Amino acid sequence: VVHPEGIAGLRTPLSFSRSHLTLARSA
């Protein structure tokens, strides 16, 4: 569960050992 710009959502369910997801922007 992530909260980009204060709006809850569900992130893409991938986790990486070095890279990260980009989750700062809502719709």
PDB file of all heavy atoms in Angstrom:
ATOM      1  N   VAL A   1       0.855  -1.189   0.000  1.00  0.00           N
ATOM      2  CA  VAL A   1       0.000   0.000   0.000  1.00  0.00           C
ATOM      3  C   VAL A   1       0.888   1.234   0.000  1.00  0.00           C
ATOM      4  O   VAL A   1       1.745   1.399   0.868  1.00  0.00           O
ATOM      5  CB  VAL A   1      -0.942   0.013   1.212  1.00  0.00           C
ATOM      6  CG1 VAL A   1      -1.802   1.281   1.200  1.00  0.00           C
ATOM      7  CG2 VAL A   1      -1.838  -1.222   1.217  1.00  0.00           C
ATOM      8  N   VAL A   2       0.701   2.089  -0.986  1.00  0.00           N
ATOM      9  CA  VAL A   2       1.494   3.316  -1.110  1.00  0.00           C
ATOM     10  C   VAL A   2       0.544   4.513  -1.130  1.00  0.00           C
ATOM     11  O   VAL A   2      -0.664   4.369  -1.343  1.00  0.00           O
ATOM     12  CB  VAL A   2       2.372   3.284  -2.377  1.00  0.00           C
ATOM     13  CG1 VAL A   2       3.423   2.180  -2.269  1.00  0.00           C
ATOM     14  CG2 VAL A   2       1.524   3.085  -3.634  1.00  0.00           C
ATOM     15  N   HIS A   3       1.109   5.712  -0.908  1.00  0.00           N
ATOM     16  CA  HIS A   3       0.273   6.911  -0.791  1.00  0.00           C
ATOM     17  C   HIS A   3       0.860   8.058  -1.606  1.00  0.00           C
ATOM     18  O   HIS A   3       1.213   9.110  -1.067  1.00  0.00           O
ATOM     19  CB  HIS A   3       0.125   7.316   0.682  1.00  0.00           C
ATOM     20  CG  HIS A   3      -0.583   6.312   1.522  1.00  0.00           C
ATOM     21  ND1 HIS A   3       0.062   5.216   2.091  1.00  0.00           N
ATOM     22  CD2 HIS A   3      -1.903   6.214   1.873  1.00  0.00           C
ATOM     23  CE1 HIS A   3      -0.822   4.506   2.781  1.00  0.00           C
ATOM     24  NE2 HIS A   3      -2.008   5.081   2.666  1.00  0.00           N
ATOM     25  N   PRO A   4       0.979   7.900  -2.933  1.00  0.00           N
ATOM     26  CA  PRO A   4       1.499   9.011  -3.729  1.00  0.00           C
ATOM     27  C   PRO A   4       0.573  10.221  -3.656  1.00  0.00           C
ATOM     28  O   PRO A   4      -0.643  10.082  -3.845  1.00  0.00           O
ATOM     29  CB  PRO A   4       1.565   8.427  -5.150  1.00  0.00           C
ATOM     30  CG  PRO A   4       0.575   7.309  -5.146  1.00  0.00           C
ATOM     31  CD  PRO A   4       0.603   6.748  -3.754  1.00  0.00           C
ATOM     32  N   GLU A   5       1.151  11.370  -3.359  1.00  0.00           N
ATOM     33  CA  GLU A   5       0.385  12.615  -3.251  1.00  0.00           C
ATOM     34  C   GLU A   5      -0.798  12.471  -2.294  1.00  0.00           C
ATOM     35  O   GLU A   5      -1.836  13.100  -2.452  1.00  0.00           O
ATOM     36  CB  GLU A   5      -0.088  13.072  -4.638  1.00  0.00           C
ATOM     37  CG  GLU A   5       1.082  13.342  -5.587  1.00  0.00           C
ATOM     38  CD  GLU A   5       0.646  13.780  -6.963  1.00  0.00           C
ATOM     39  OE1 GLU A   5       0.021  12.957  -7.671  1.00  0.00           O
ATOM     40  OE2 GLU A   5       0.922  14.937  -7.317  1.00  0.00           O
ATOM     41  N   GLY A   6      -0.629  11.623  -1.276  1.00  0.00           N
ATOM     42  CA  GLY A   6      -1.643  11.455  -0.253  1.00  0.00           C
ATOM     43  C   GLY A   6      -2.816  10.577  -0.623  1.00  0.00           C
ATOM     44  O   GLY A   6      -3.781  10.476   0.144  1.00  0.00           O
ATOM     45  N   ILE A   7      -2.765   9.924  -1.779  1.00  0.00           N
ATOM     46  CA  ILE A   7      -3.870   9.078  -2.237  1.00  0.00           C
ATOM     47  C   ILE A   7      -3.420   7.617  -2.212  1.00  0.00           C
ATOM     48  O   ILE A   7      -2.440   7.250  -2.852  1.00  0.00           O
ATOM     49  CB  ILE A   7      -4.328   9.487  -3.644  1.00  0.00           C
ATOM     50  CG1 ILE A   7      -4.827  10.942  -3.623  1.00  0.00           C
ATOM     51  CG2 ILE A   7      -5.424   8.546  -4.152  1.00  0.00           C
ATOM     52  CD1 ILE A   7      -5.136  11.499  -4.972  1.00  0.00           C
ATOM     53  N   ALA A   8      -4.128   6.793  -1.481  1.00  0.00           N
ATOM     54  CA  ALA A   8      -3.720   5.404  -1.314  1.00  0.00           C
ATOM     55  C   ALA A   8      -3.841   4.626  -2.616  1.00  0.00           C
ATOM     56  O   ALA A   8      -4.698   4.902  -3.456  1.00  0.00           O
ATOM     57  CB  ALA A   8      -4.562   4.734  -0.233  1.00  0.00           C
ATOM     58  N   GLY A   9      -2.969   3.649  -2.773  1.00  0.00           N
ATOM     59  CA  GLY A   9      -3.011   2.752  -3.917  1.00  0.00           C
ATOM     60  C   GLY A   9      -2.173   1.529  -3.641  1.00  0.00           C
ATOM     61  O   GLY A   9      -1.550   1.403  -2.584  1.00  0.00           O
ATOM     62  N   LEU A  10      -2.158   0.594  -4.586  1.00  0.00           N
ATOM     63  CA  LEU A  10      -1.366  -0.622  -4.471  1.00  0.00           C
ATOM     64  C   LEU A  10      -0.279  -0.594  -5.535  1.00  0.00           C
ATOM     65  O   LEU A  10      -0.569  -0.477  -6.724  1.00  0.00           O
ATOM     66  CB  LEU A  10      -2.247  -1.862  -4.661  1.00  0.00           C
ATOM     67  CG  LEU A  10      -3.317  -2.071  -3.595  1.00  0.00           C
ATOM     68  CD1 LEU A  10      -4.262  -3.189  -4.010  1.00  0.00           C
ATOM     69  CD2 LEU A  10      -2.677  -2.386  -2.249  1.00  0.00           C
ATOM     70  N   ARG A  11       0.969  -0.723  -5.110  1.00  0.00           N
ATOM     71  CA  ARG A  11       2.099  -0.654  -6.039  1.00  0.00           C
ATOM     72  C   ARG A  11       2.217  -1.923  -6.866  1.00  0.00           C
ATOM     73  O   ARG A  11       1.643  -2.968  -6.542  1.00  0.00           O
ATOM     74  CB  ARG A  11       3.396  -0.429  -5.273  1.00  0.00           C
ATOM     75  CG  ARG A  11       3.834  -1.609  -4.408  1.00  0.00           C
ATOM     76  CD  ARG A  11       5.241  -1.416  -3.866  1.00  0.00           C
ATOM     77  NE  ARG A  11       5.638  -2.492  -2.963  1.00  0.00           N
ATOM     78  CZ  ARG A  11       6.162  -3.654  -3.334  1.00  0.00           C
ATOM     79  NH1 ARG A  11       6.329  -3.919  -4.635  1.00  0.00           N
ATOM     80  NH2 ARG A  11       6.518  -4.557  -2.443  1.00  0.00           N
ATOM     81  N   THR A  12       2.977  -1.818  -7.956  1.00  0.00           N
ATOM     82  CA  THR A  12       3.339  -3.010  -8.715  1.00  0.00           C
ATOM     83  C   THR A  12       4.126  -3.950  -7.796  1.00  0.00           C
ATOM     84  O   THR A  12       5.083  -3.532  -7.142  1.00  0.00           O
ATOM     85  CB  THR A  12       4.193  -2.625  -9.933  1.00  0.00           C
ATOM     86  OG1 THR A  12       3.381  -1.850 -10.830  1.00  0.00           O
ATOM     87  CG2 THR A  12       4.712  -3.851 -10.667  1.00  0.00           C
ATOM     88  N   PRO A  13       3.754  -5.234  -7.709  1.00  0.00           N
ATOM     89  CA  PRO A  13       4.324  -6.133  -6.700  1.00  0.00           C
ATOM     90  C   PRO A  13       5.670  -6.725  -7.095  1.00  0.00           C
ATOM     91  O   PRO A  13       5.851  -7.954  -7.123  1.00  0.00           O
ATOM     92  CB  PRO A  13       3.252  -7.207  -6.562  1.00  0.00           C
ATOM     93  CG  PRO A  13       2.653  -7.292  -7.925  1.00  0.00           C
ATOM     94  CD  PRO A  13       2.634  -5.883  -8.437  1.00  0.00           C
ATOM     95  N   LEU A  14       6.626  -5.861  -7.406  1.00  0.00           N
ATOM     96  CA  LEU A  14       7.981  -6.293  -7.727  1.00  0.00           C
ATOM     97  C   LEU A  14       8.961  -5.601  -6.788  1.00  0.00           C
ATOM     98  O   LEU A  14       8.836  -4.400  -6.524  1.00  0.00           O
ATOM     99  CB  LEU A  14       8.342  -5.937  -9.177  1.00  0.00           C
ATOM    100  CG  LEU A  14       7.508  -6.596 -10.280  1.00  0.00           C
ATOM    101  CD1 LEU A  14       7.852  -5.989 -11.633  1.00  0.00           C
ATOM    102  CD2 LEU A  14       7.729  -8.102 -10.298  1.00  0.00           C
ATOM    103  N   SER A  15       9.922  -6.356  -6.289  1.00  0.00           N
ATOM    104  CA  SER A  15      10.980  -5.797  -5.453  1.00  0.00           C
ATOM    105  C   SER A  15      12.327  -6.212  -6.030  1.00  0.00           C
ATOM    106  O   SER A  15      12.503  -7.364  -6.444  1.00  0.00           O
ATOM    107  CB  SER A  15      10.858  -6.296  -4.005  1.00  0.00           C
ATOM    108  OG  SER A  15       9.621  -5.900  -3.432  1.00  0.00           O
ATOM    109  N   PHE A  16      13.273  -5.277  -6.050  1.00  0.00           N
ATOM    110  CA  PHE A  16      14.574  -5.499  -6.673  1.00  0.00           C
ATOM    111  C   PHE A  16      15.680  -5.336  -5.635  1.00  0.00           C
ATOM    112  O   PHE A  16      15.538  -4.593  -4.665  1.00  0.00           O
ATOM    113  CB  PHE A  16      14.796  -4.492  -7.813  1.00  0.00           C
ATOM    114  CG  PHE A  16      13.777  -4.565  -8.909  1.00  0.00           C
ATOM    115  CD1 PHE A  16      12.625  -3.789  -8.872  1.00  0.00           C
ATOM    116  CD2 PHE A  16      13.950  -5.411  -9.991  1.00  0.00           C
ATOM    117  CE1 PHE A  16      11.674  -3.838  -9.881  1.00  0.00           C
ATOM    118  CE2 PHE A  16      13.001  -5.480 -11.013  1.00  0.00           C
ATOM    119  CZ  PHE A  16      11.869  -4.697 -10.947  1.00  0.00           C
ATOM    120  N   SER A  17      16.795  -6.023  -5.862  1.00  0.00           N
ATOM    121  CA  SER A  17      17.911  -5.912  -4.923  1.00  0.00           C
ATOM    122  C   SER A  17      18.646  -4.584  -5.057  1.00  0.00           C
ATOM    123  O   SER A  17      19.214  -4.087  -4.089  1.00  0.00           O
ATOM    124  CB  SER A  17      18.901  -7.070  -5.141  1.00  0.00           C
ATOM    125  OG  SER A  17      19.478  -7.018  -6.444  1.00  0.00           O
ATOM    126  N   ARG A  18      18.617  -3.966  -6.258  1.00  0.00           N
ATOM    127  CA  ARG A  18      19.312  -2.693  -6.452  1.00  0.00           C
ATOM    128  C   ARG A  18      18.385  -1.574  -6.912  1.00  0.00           C
ATOM    129  O   ARG A  18      18.544  -0.432  -6.506  1.00  0.00           O
ATOM    130  CB  ARG A  18      20.446  -2.850  -7.479  1.00  0.00           C
ATOM    131  CG  ARG A  18      21.620  -3.701  -7.008  1.00  0.00           C
ATOM    132  CD  ARG A  18      22.771  -3.666  -7.998  1.00  0.00           C
ATOM    133  NE  ARG A  18      22.413  -4.197  -9.325  1.00  0.00           N
ATOM    134  CZ  ARG A  18      22.167  -3.450 -10.388  1.00  0.00           C
ATOM    135  NH1 ARG A  18      22.225  -2.133 -10.326  1.00  0.00           N
ATOM    136  NH2 ARG A  18      21.855  -4.017 -11.556  1.00  0.00           N
ATOM    137  N   SER A  19      17.447  -1.870  -7.761  1.00  0.00           N
ATOM    138  CA  SER A  19      16.588  -0.835  -8.318  1.00  0.00           C
ATOM    139  C   SER A  19      15.389  -0.558  -7.414  1.00  0.00           C
ATOM    140  O   SER A  19      15.106  -1.306  -6.479  1.00  0.00           O
ATOM    141  CB  SER A  19      16.088  -1.268  -9.699  1.00  0.00           C
ATOM    142  OG  SER A  19      17.155  -1.451 -10.591  1.00  0.00           O
ATOM    143  N   HIS A  20      14.696   0.524  -7.711  1.00  0.00           N
ATOM    144  CA  HIS A  20      13.501   0.870  -6.959  1.00  0.00           C
ATOM    145  C   HIS A  20      12.363   1.180  -7.922  1.00  0.00           C
ATOM    146  O   HIS A  20      12.573   1.392  -9.118  1.00  0.00           O
ATOM    147  CB  HIS A  20      13.759   2.085  -6.056  1.00  0.00           C
ATOM    148  CG  HIS A  20      14.065   3.349  -6.818  1.00  0.00           C
ATOM    149  ND1 HIS A  20      13.089   4.149  -7.374  1.00  0.00           N
ATOM    150  CD2 HIS A  20      15.250   3.943  -7.134  1.00  0.00           C
ATOM    151  CE1 HIS A  20      13.645   5.173  -7.987  1.00  0.00           C
ATOM    152  NE2 HIS A  20      14.961   5.073  -7.862  1.00  0.00           N
ATOM    153  N   LEU A  21      11.144   1.206  -7.394  1.00  0.00           N
ATOM    154  CA  LEU A  21       9.996   1.626  -8.166  1.00  0.00           C
ATOM    155  C   LEU A  21       9.848   3.145  -8.070  1.00  0.00           C
ATOM    156  O   LEU A  21      10.361   3.771  -7.148  1.00  0.00           O
ATOM    157  CB  LEU A  21       8.721   0.956  -7.660  1.00  0.00           C
ATOM    158  CG  LEU A  21       8.677  -0.573  -7.734  1.00  0.00           C
ATOM    159  CD1 LEU A  21       7.363  -1.086  -7.155  1.00  0.00           C
ATOM    160  CD2 LEU A  21       8.868  -1.075  -9.153  1.00  0.00           C
ATOM    161  N   THR A  22       9.121   3.728  -9.022  1.00  0.00           N
ATOM    162  CA  THR A  22       8.832   5.160  -9.012  1.00  0.00           C
ATOM    163  C   THR A  22       7.384   5.338  -8.612  1.00  0.00           C
ATOM    164  O   THR A  22       6.472   4.998  -9.377  1.00  0.00           O
ATOM    165  CB  THR A  22       9.090   5.769 -10.405  1.00  0.00           C
ATOM    166  OG1 THR A  22      10.463   5.549 -10.761  1.00  0.00           O
ATOM    167  CG2 THR A  22       8.808   7.262 -10.401  1.00  0.00           C
ATOM    168  N   LEU A  23       7.152   5.859  -7.399  1.00  0.00           N
ATOM    169  CA  LEU A  23       5.817   5.835  -6.814  1.00  0.00           C
ATOM    170  C   LEU A  23       5.375   7.183  -6.267  1.00  0.00           C
ATOM    171  O   LEU A  23       4.454   7.257  -5.456  1.00  0.00           O
ATOM    172  CB  LEU A  23       5.772   4.787  -5.690  1.00  0.00           C
ATOM    173  CG  LEU A  23       6.123   3.349  -6.100  1.00  0.00           C
ATOM    174  CD1 LEU A  23       6.315   2.468  -4.874  1.00  0.00           C
ATOM    175  CD2 LEU A  23       5.048   2.773  -7.010  1.00  0.00           C
ATOM    176  N   ALA A  24       5.989   8.260  -6.696  1.00  0.00           N
ATOM    177  CA  ALA A  24       5.686   9.561  -6.110  1.00  0.00           C
ATOM    178  C   ALA A  24       4.445  10.219  -6.687  1.00  0.00           C
ATOM    179  O   ALA A  24       3.846  11.090  -6.057  1.00  0.00           O
ATOM    180  CB  ALA A  24       6.888  10.499  -6.292  1.00  0.00           C
ATOM    181  N   ARG A  25       4.041   9.827  -7.885  1.00  0.00           N
ATOM    182  CA  ARG A  25       2.966  10.522  -8.590  1.00  0.00           C
ATOM    183  C   ARG A  25       1.685   9.687  -8.567  1.00  0.00           C
ATOM    184  O   ARG A  25       1.698   8.509  -8.890  1.00  0.00           O
ATOM    185  CB  ARG A  25       3.379  10.765 -10.044  1.00  0.00           C
ATOM    186  CG  ARG A  25       2.462  11.729 -10.802  1.00  0.00           C
ATOM    187  CD  ARG A  25       2.703  11.633 -12.290  1.00  0.00           C
ATOM    188  NE  ARG A  25       4.054  11.931 -12.700  1.00  0.00           N
ATOM    189  CZ  ARG A  25       4.477  13.123 -13.147  1.00  0.00           C
ATOM    190  NH1 ARG A  25       3.636  14.127 -13.222  1.00  0.00           N
ATOM    191  NH2 ARG A  25       5.739  13.280 -13.528  1.00  0.00           N
ATOM    192  N   SER A  26       0.556  10.325  -8.194  1.00  0.00           N
ATOM    193  CA  SER A  26      -0.732   9.654  -8.256  1.00  0.00           C
ATOM    194  C   SER A  26      -1.267   9.725  -9.683  1.00  0.00           C
ATOM    195  O   SER A  26      -0.581  10.177 -10.599  1.00  0.00           O
ATOM    196  CB  SER A  26      -1.710  10.296  -7.269  1.00  0.00           C
ATOM    197  OG  SER A  26      -2.928   9.569  -7.233  1.00  0.00           O
ATOM    198  N   ALA A  27      -2.492   9.260  -9.886  1.00  0.00           N
ATOM    199  CA  ALA A  27      -3.139   9.402 -11.190  1.00  0.00           C
ATOM    200  C   ALA A  27      -3.405  10.877 -11.461  1.00  0.00           C
ATOM    201  O   ALA A  27      -3.673  11.644 -10.531  1.00  0.00           O
ATOM    202  CB  ALA A  27      -4.428   8.603 -11.230  1.00  0.00           C
TER     203      ALA A  27
END
